[in-house]
Amino acid sequence: MPFTRISLLAGKSPEYLASVSDSLDRALVECFEVPEKDRFVAIHQHQPGELIFDRTYRGGPRSRDYIFFHITTGRERSPETKARFYRRLAECLADAPGVRPQDVMVTIVNSTFEDWSFASGISAAAPAGGGDQ
């Protein structure tokens, strides 16, 4: 169950933001071994001066349409799976809402089930039914 924080400059429409989220979801399902309906995203729109990024470091040139995806996931994926996902995400975003691949940056952070509680204050690592006791 990945959780993604998406950071971009403020001013995008709700439709644009929905399209970004839909493109992310499509890439996760198609290439990152994530089941459908496993969607958890927080979108952060930053005012000028609150999202600082180098326009050319290891890519670019980046524009003001730069988007940063910080994905926290509960299990490790192979380098090949990650590479497929990165490519597919850039393709999906180019299709809709029209983000240039140079403006897409991704980082993936792995954690264990002990680091998650999906609801009710119960560790995701607890045995099934562990919250009923």
N, C-alpha and C. Protein backbone atom coordinates (compact mmCIF):
# COMPACT_ATOMS: atom_id res chain seq x y z
N MET A 1 0.83 -1.17 0.00
CA MET A 1 0.00 0.00 0.00
C MET A 1 0.88 1.24 0.00
N PRO A 2 1.23 1.75 -1.14
CA PRO A 2 2.01 2.98 -1.15
C PRO A 2 1.17 4.18 -0.70
N PHE A 3 1.84 5.11 -0.10
CA PHE A 3 1.25 6.42 0.20
C PHE A 3 2.13 7.43 -0.50
N THR A 4 1.52 8.31 -1.30
CA THR A 4 2.30 9.26 -2.10
C THR A 4 1.96 10.68 -1.72
N ARG A 5 3.00 11.46 -1.50
CA ARG A 5 2.87 12.90 -1.33
C ARG A 5 3.34 13.53 -2.64
N ILE A 6 2.47 14.34 -3.21
CA ILE A 6 2.77 15.01 -4.47
C ILE A 6 2.94 16.49 -4.18
N SER A 7 4.09 17.04 -4.55
CA SER A 7 4.36 18.46 -4.34
C SER A 7 4.52 19.15 -5.68
N LEU A 8 3.84 20.31 -5.82
CA LEU A 8 3.93 21.11 -7.03
C LEU A 8 3.58 22.55 -6.68
N LEU A 9 3.88 23.45 -7.60
CA LEU A 9 3.54 24.85 -7.36
C LEU A 9 2.03 25.05 -7.42
N ALA A 10 1.53 25.97 -6.61
CA ALA A 10 0.09 26.25 -6.53
C ALA A 10 -0.43 26.83 -7.83
N GLY A 11 -1.74 26.65 -8.00
CA GLY A 11 -2.41 27.28 -9.13
C GLY A 11 -3.02 26.30 -10.12
N LYS A 12 -2.88 25.01 -9.87
CA LYS A 12 -3.44 24.02 -10.80
C LYS A 12 -4.91 23.78 -10.45
N SER A 13 -5.70 23.48 -11.46
CA SER A 13 -7.13 23.24 -11.28
C SER A 13 -7.38 21.90 -10.62
N PRO A 14 -8.57 21.72 -10.04
CA PRO A 14 -8.93 20.41 -9.50
C PRO A 14 -8.87 19.31 -10.56
N GLU A 15 -9.22 19.63 -11.80
CA GLU A 15 -9.17 18.65 -12.87
C GLU A 15 -7.72 18.22 -13.17
N TYR A 16 -6.82 19.19 -13.17
CA TYR A 16 -5.40 18.89 -13.39
C TYR A 16 -4.89 17.98 -12.27
N LEU A 17 -5.21 18.32 -11.03
CA LEU A 17 -4.76 17.52 -9.89
C LEU A 17 -5.34 16.11 -9.95
N ALA A 18 -6.60 15.98 -10.33
CA ALA A 18 -7.22 14.66 -10.46
C ALA A 18 -6.51 13.85 -11.55
N SER A 19 -6.14 14.51 -12.63
CA SER A 19 -5.45 13.84 -13.71
C SER A 19 -4.06 13.36 -13.28
N VAL A 20 -3.36 14.17 -12.49
CA VAL A 20 -2.06 13.76 -11.94
C VAL A 20 -2.24 12.52 -11.07
N SER A 21 -3.23 12.56 -10.18
CA SER A 21 -3.49 11.42 -9.30
C SER A 21 -3.89 10.18 -10.10
N ASP A 22 -4.72 10.34 -11.12
CA ASP A 22 -5.13 9.22 -11.97
C ASP A 22 -3.94 8.62 -12.72
N SER A 23 -3.06 9.46 -13.22
CA SER A 23 -1.87 8.97 -13.93
C SER A 23 -0.95 8.21 -12.99
N LEU A 24 -0.78 8.72 -11.79
CA LEU A 24 0.02 8.01 -10.78
C LEU A 24 -0.59 6.64 -10.50
N ASP A 25 -1.90 6.62 -10.26
CA ASP A 25 -2.58 5.36 -9.95
C ASP A 25 -2.42 4.36 -11.09
N ARG A 26 -2.59 4.81 -12.31
CA ARG A 26 -2.46 3.92 -13.47
C ARG A 26 -1.06 3.31 -13.51
N ALA A 27 -0.03 4.11 -13.31
CA ALA A 27 1.35 3.61 -13.34
C ALA A 27 1.62 2.65 -12.19
N LEU A 28 1.10 2.95 -11.00
CA LEU A 28 1.29 2.06 -9.86
C LEU A 28 0.64 0.70 -10.10
N VAL A 29 -0.57 0.70 -10.62
CA VAL A 29 -1.28 -0.56 -10.87
C VAL A 29 -0.60 -1.34 -12.00
N GLU A 30 -0.24 -0.66 -13.06
CA GLU A 30 0.34 -1.35 -14.22
C GLU A 30 1.76 -1.84 -14.01
N CYS A 31 2.55 -1.12 -13.21
CA CYS A 31 3.99 -1.42 -13.17
C CYS A 31 4.60 -1.57 -11.79
N PHE A 32 3.86 -1.32 -10.73
CA PHE A 32 4.47 -1.32 -9.40
C PHE A 32 3.81 -2.33 -8.45
N GLU A 33 3.04 -3.25 -9.04
CA GLU A 33 2.44 -4.35 -8.27
C GLU A 33 1.50 -3.85 -7.19
N VAL A 34 0.72 -2.82 -7.52
CA VAL A 34 -0.25 -2.26 -6.57
C VAL A 34 -1.64 -2.63 -7.07
N PRO A 35 -2.49 -3.17 -6.18
CA PRO A 35 -3.85 -3.51 -6.62
C PRO A 35 -4.70 -2.27 -6.87
N GLU A 36 -5.70 -2.44 -7.73
CA GLU A 36 -6.65 -1.35 -7.95
C GLU A 36 -7.34 -1.02 -6.63
N LYS A 37 -7.80 0.20 -6.50
CA LYS A 37 -8.50 0.70 -5.31
C LYS A 37 -7.59 0.79 -4.09
N ASP A 38 -6.28 0.80 -4.33
CA ASP A 38 -5.30 0.99 -3.26
C ASP A 38 -4.67 2.36 -3.50
N ARG A 39 -5.48 3.40 -3.31
CA ARG A 39 -5.07 4.76 -3.67
C ARG A 39 -5.05 5.63 -2.42
N PHE A 40 -3.85 6.10 -2.08
CA PHE A 40 -3.68 7.03 -0.96
C PHE A 40 -2.68 8.09 -1.39
N VAL A 41 -3.17 9.32 -1.55
CA VAL A 41 -2.37 10.42 -2.09
C VAL A 41 -2.68 11.70 -1.32
N ALA A 42 -1.65 12.47 -1.03
CA ALA A 42 -1.81 13.82 -0.49
C ALA A 42 -1.12 14.77 -1.46
N ILE A 43 -1.86 15.77 -1.92
CA ILE A 43 -1.31 16.73 -2.87
C ILE A 43 -1.05 18.04 -2.13
N HIS A 44 0.18 18.51 -2.25
CA HIS A 44 0.59 19.74 -1.60
C HIS A 44 0.93 20.77 -2.67
N GLN A 45 0.16 21.85 -2.71
CA GLN A 45 0.46 22.94 -3.64
C GLN A 45 1.19 24.04 -2.87
N HIS A 46 2.33 24.41 -3.38
CA HIS A 46 3.21 25.35 -2.69
C HIS A 46 3.19 26.71 -3.37
N GLN A 47 3.27 27.75 -2.57
CA GLN A 47 3.39 29.12 -3.07
C GLN A 47 4.81 29.34 -3.59
N PRO A 48 5.00 30.32 -4.46
CA PRO A 48 6.35 30.63 -4.93
C PRO A 48 7.31 30.80 -3.75
N GLY A 49 8.47 30.21 -3.84
CA GLY A 49 9.46 30.27 -2.77
C GLY A 49 9.33 29.14 -1.76
N GLU A 50 8.26 28.35 -1.84
CA GLU A 50 8.07 27.24 -0.90
C GLU A 50 8.43 25.88 -1.49
N LEU A 51 8.62 25.81 -2.79
CA LEU A 51 9.08 24.59 -3.45
C LEU A 51 10.31 24.99 -4.26
N ILE A 52 11.45 24.62 -3.72
CA ILE A 52 12.72 25.05 -4.30
C ILE A 52 13.36 23.84 -4.97
N PHE A 53 13.68 23.99 -6.25
CA PHE A 53 14.27 22.87 -6.99
C PHE A 53 15.26 23.41 -8.01
N ASP A 54 16.32 22.64 -8.22
CA ASP A 54 17.31 22.98 -9.22
C ASP A 54 16.72 22.65 -10.59
N ARG A 55 16.79 23.57 -11.49
CA ARG A 55 16.16 23.39 -12.80
C ARG A 55 16.93 22.45 -13.72
N THR A 56 18.19 22.10 -13.38
CA THR A 56 18.97 21.25 -14.28
C THR A 56 19.62 20.04 -13.61
N TYR A 57 19.64 19.94 -12.29
CA TYR A 57 20.33 18.83 -11.62
C TYR A 57 19.78 17.48 -12.07
N ARG A 58 20.64 16.64 -12.66
CA ARG A 58 20.33 15.28 -13.09
C ARG A 58 19.02 15.19 -13.88
N GLY A 59 18.86 16.08 -14.81
CA GLY A 59 17.66 16.08 -15.64
C GLY A 59 17.34 17.49 -16.07
N GLY A 60 16.12 17.66 -16.51
CA GLY A 60 15.68 18.99 -16.88
C GLY A 60 15.92 19.29 -18.34
N PRO A 61 15.72 20.52 -18.71
CA PRO A 61 15.45 21.65 -17.82
C PRO A 61 14.03 21.57 -17.25
N ARG A 62 13.94 21.78 -15.94
CA ARG A 62 12.65 21.75 -15.26
C ARG A 62 11.96 23.10 -15.39
N SER A 63 10.64 23.05 -15.50
CA SER A 63 9.85 24.27 -15.61
C SER A 63 9.07 24.49 -14.31
N ARG A 64 8.21 25.48 -14.32
CA ARG A 64 7.38 25.72 -13.13
C ARG A 64 6.30 24.67 -12.99
N ASP A 65 6.20 23.72 -13.95
CA ASP A 65 5.27 22.59 -13.86
C ASP A 65 5.90 21.36 -13.20
N TYR A 66 7.09 21.54 -12.63
CA TYR A 66 7.79 20.48 -11.91
C TYR A 66 6.87 19.85 -10.86
N ILE A 67 6.89 18.51 -10.81
CA ILE A 67 6.12 17.76 -9.80
C ILE A 67 7.05 16.77 -9.12
N PHE A 68 7.00 16.74 -7.79
CA PHE A 68 7.79 15.80 -6.99
C PHE A 68 6.86 14.78 -6.36
N PHE A 69 7.15 13.50 -6.58
CA PHE A 69 6.39 12.39 -6.01
C PHE A 69 7.25 11.71 -4.95
N HIS A 70 6.79 11.73 -3.71
CA HIS A 70 7.48 11.05 -2.62
C HIS A 70 6.60 9.86 -2.23
N ILE A 71 7.06 8.66 -2.58
CA ILE A 71 6.25 7.46 -2.41
C ILE A 71 6.83 6.63 -1.26
N THR A 72 6.00 6.39 -0.26
CA THR A 72 6.37 5.50 0.84
C THR A 72 5.64 4.18 0.61
N THR A 73 6.38 3.11 0.57
CA THR A 73 5.80 1.81 0.28
C THR A 73 6.15 0.80 1.36
N GLY A 74 5.30 -0.18 1.51
CA GLY A 74 5.45 -1.18 2.57
C GLY A 74 6.33 -2.36 2.21
N ARG A 75 6.80 -2.44 0.98
CA ARG A 75 7.71 -3.52 0.62
C ARG A 75 8.62 -3.10 -0.53
N GLU A 76 9.75 -3.72 -0.57
CA GLU A 76 10.77 -3.44 -1.58
C GLU A 76 10.31 -3.95 -2.94
N ARG A 77 10.65 -3.21 -3.99
CA ARG A 77 10.46 -3.64 -5.37
C ARG A 77 11.83 -3.78 -6.01
N SER A 78 11.91 -4.61 -7.03
CA SER A 78 13.18 -4.82 -7.72
C SER A 78 13.57 -3.54 -8.48
N PRO A 79 14.85 -3.39 -8.78
CA PRO A 79 15.28 -2.25 -9.58
C PRO A 79 14.57 -2.20 -10.94
N GLU A 80 14.30 -3.35 -11.53
CA GLU A 80 13.61 -3.39 -12.82
C GLU A 80 12.16 -2.90 -12.69
N THR A 81 11.50 -3.30 -11.62
CA THR A 81 10.12 -2.85 -11.37
C THR A 81 10.09 -1.34 -11.18
N LYS A 82 11.02 -0.82 -10.41
CA LYS A 82 11.08 0.62 -10.19
C LYS A 82 11.34 1.36 -11.51
N ALA A 83 12.27 0.86 -12.31
CA ALA A 83 12.59 1.51 -13.59
C ALA A 83 11.38 1.52 -14.51
N ARG A 84 10.64 0.40 -14.58
CA ARG A 84 9.40 0.35 -15.39
C ARG A 84 8.39 1.36 -14.88
N PHE A 85 8.25 1.43 -13.56
CA PHE A 85 7.30 2.38 -12.97
C PHE A 85 7.67 3.82 -13.29
N TYR A 86 8.94 4.18 -13.14
CA TYR A 86 9.37 5.55 -13.44
C TYR A 86 9.01 5.93 -14.87
N ARG A 87 9.34 5.03 -15.80
CA ARG A 87 9.04 5.30 -17.22
C ARG A 87 7.54 5.43 -17.46
N ARG A 88 6.77 4.50 -16.88
CA ARG A 88 5.33 4.51 -17.11
C ARG A 88 4.68 5.74 -16.49
N LEU A 89 5.14 6.15 -15.32
CA LEU A 89 4.59 7.36 -14.69
C LEU A 89 4.82 8.57 -15.58
N ALA A 90 6.04 8.73 -16.09
CA ALA A 90 6.33 9.85 -16.98
C ALA A 90 5.46 9.80 -18.24
N GLU A 91 5.25 8.60 -18.80
CA GLU A 91 4.38 8.45 -19.98
C GLU A 91 2.93 8.84 -19.66
N CYS A 92 2.42 8.33 -18.55
CA CYS A 92 1.03 8.62 -18.18
C CYS A 92 0.83 10.11 -17.94
N LEU A 93 1.76 10.74 -17.26
CA LEU A 93 1.64 12.17 -16.99
C LEU A 93 1.76 12.99 -18.27
N ALA A 94 2.57 12.54 -19.22
CA ALA A 94 2.68 13.24 -20.50
C ALA A 94 1.35 13.16 -21.25
N ASP A 95 0.68 12.00 -21.16
CA ASP A 95 -0.63 11.84 -21.80
C ASP A 95 -1.68 12.71 -21.14
N ALA A 96 -1.72 12.71 -19.83
CA ALA A 96 -2.71 13.50 -19.09
C ALA A 96 -2.18 13.74 -17.69
N PRO A 97 -1.98 14.96 -17.34
CA PRO A 97 -2.49 16.21 -17.90
C PRO A 97 -1.54 16.94 -18.83
N GLY A 98 -0.50 16.27 -19.33
CA GLY A 98 0.42 16.93 -20.26
C GLY A 98 1.69 17.43 -19.59
N VAL A 99 2.18 16.71 -18.60
CA VAL A 99 3.41 17.10 -17.90
C VAL A 99 4.61 16.61 -18.70
N ARG A 100 5.57 17.48 -18.90
CA ARG A 100 6.81 17.11 -19.58
C ARG A 100 7.58 16.11 -18.72
N PRO A 101 8.16 15.06 -19.31
CA PRO A 101 8.93 14.09 -18.52
C PRO A 101 10.05 14.73 -17.70
N GLN A 102 10.63 15.82 -18.21
CA GLN A 102 11.71 16.49 -17.48
C GLN A 102 11.21 17.12 -16.18
N ASP A 103 9.91 17.29 -16.04
CA ASP A 103 9.33 17.91 -14.84
C ASP A 103 8.86 16.90 -13.81
N VAL A 104 9.17 15.62 -14.02
CA VAL A 104 8.71 14.56 -13.11
C VAL A 104 9.90 14.03 -12.32
N MET A 105 9.83 14.15 -11.00
CA MET A 105 10.86 13.62 -10.09
C MET A 105 10.18 12.69 -9.09
N VAL A 106 10.81 11.55 -8.82
CA VAL A 106 10.23 10.54 -7.94
C VAL A 106 11.27 10.05 -6.95
N THR A 107 10.86 9.85 -5.72
CA THR A 107 11.68 9.13 -4.76
C THR A 107 10.79 8.09 -4.10
N ILE A 108 11.38 6.91 -3.86
CA ILE A 108 10.66 5.81 -3.22
C ILE A 108 11.36 5.49 -1.91
N VAL A 109 10.57 5.43 -0.84
CA VAL A 109 11.08 5.10 0.48
C VAL A 109 10.37 3.85 0.95
N ASN A 110 11.12 2.87 1.40
CA ASN A 110 10.54 1.62 1.86
C ASN A 110 10.41 1.60 3.38
N SER A 111 9.37 0.95 3.84
CA SER A 111 9.15 0.76 5.27
C SER A 111 8.62 -0.65 5.47
N THR A 112 8.41 -1.03 6.70
CA THR A 112 7.86 -2.35 6.99
C THR A 112 6.44 -2.20 7.53
N PHE A 113 5.71 -3.29 7.62
CA PHE A 113 4.34 -3.22 8.11
C PHE A 113 4.27 -2.68 9.54
N GLU A 114 5.33 -2.86 10.32
CA GLU A 114 5.35 -2.31 11.68
C GLU A 114 5.29 -0.79 11.68
N ASP A 115 5.65 -0.19 10.54
CA ASP A 115 5.66 1.27 10.42
C ASP A 115 4.30 1.84 10.01
N TRP A 116 3.29 1.00 9.82
CA TRP A 116 1.98 1.43 9.33
C TRP A 116 0.87 1.05 10.30
N SER A 117 -0.11 1.91 10.39
CA SER A 117 -1.40 1.59 11.01
C SER A 117 -2.45 2.11 10.04
N PHE A 118 -3.24 1.21 9.48
CA PHE A 118 -4.22 1.60 8.47
C PHE A 118 -5.49 2.18 9.09
N ALA A 119 -5.78 1.80 10.33
CA ALA A 119 -6.98 2.32 10.99
C ALA A 119 -7.02 1.84 12.43
N SER A 120 -7.77 2.54 13.23
CA SER A 120 -8.12 2.14 14.60
C SER A 120 -6.93 1.95 15.53
N GLY A 121 -5.79 2.53 15.19
CA GLY A 121 -4.62 2.41 16.06
C GLY A 121 -4.03 1.02 16.12
N ILE A 122 -4.28 0.22 15.10
CA ILE A 122 -3.80 -1.16 15.06
C ILE A 122 -2.64 -1.27 14.08
N SER A 123 -1.55 -1.85 14.52
CA SER A 123 -0.40 -2.05 13.65
C SER A 123 -0.78 -2.95 12.48
N ALA A 124 -0.31 -2.60 11.30
CA ALA A 124 -0.56 -3.43 10.13
C ALA A 124 0.12 -4.79 10.27
N ALA A 125 1.09 -4.89 11.16
CA ALA A 125 1.80 -6.14 11.39
C ALA A 125 1.06 -7.04 12.38
N ALA A 126 0.01 -6.51 13.00
CA ALA A 126 -0.75 -7.33 13.98
C ALA A 126 -1.43 -8.48 13.26
N PRO A 127 -1.55 -9.62 13.94
CA PRO A 127 -2.28 -10.74 13.33
C PRO A 127 -3.72 -10.32 12.99
N ALA A 128 -4.28 -10.94 11.98
CA ALA A 128 -5.67 -10.65 11.60
C ALA A 128 -6.57 -10.79 12.81
N GLY A 129 -7.45 -9.82 13.01
CA GLY A 129 -8.33 -9.83 14.17
C GLY A 129 -7.66 -9.33 15.44
N GLY A 130 -6.39 -8.88 15.31
CA GLY A 130 -5.63 -8.43 16.47
C GLY A 130 -6.23 -7.22 17.16
N GLY A 131 -7.06 -6.48 16.45
CA GLY A 131 -7.66 -5.28 17.04
C GLY A 131 -8.90 -5.57 17.84
N ASP A 132 -9.37 -6.82 17.84
CA ASP A 132 -10.60 -7.16 18.54
C ASP A 132 -10.36 -7.54 19.98
N GLN A 133 -9.12 -7.64 20.40
CA GLN A 133 -8.84 -8.10 21.75
C GLN A 133 -8.67 -6.98 22.72
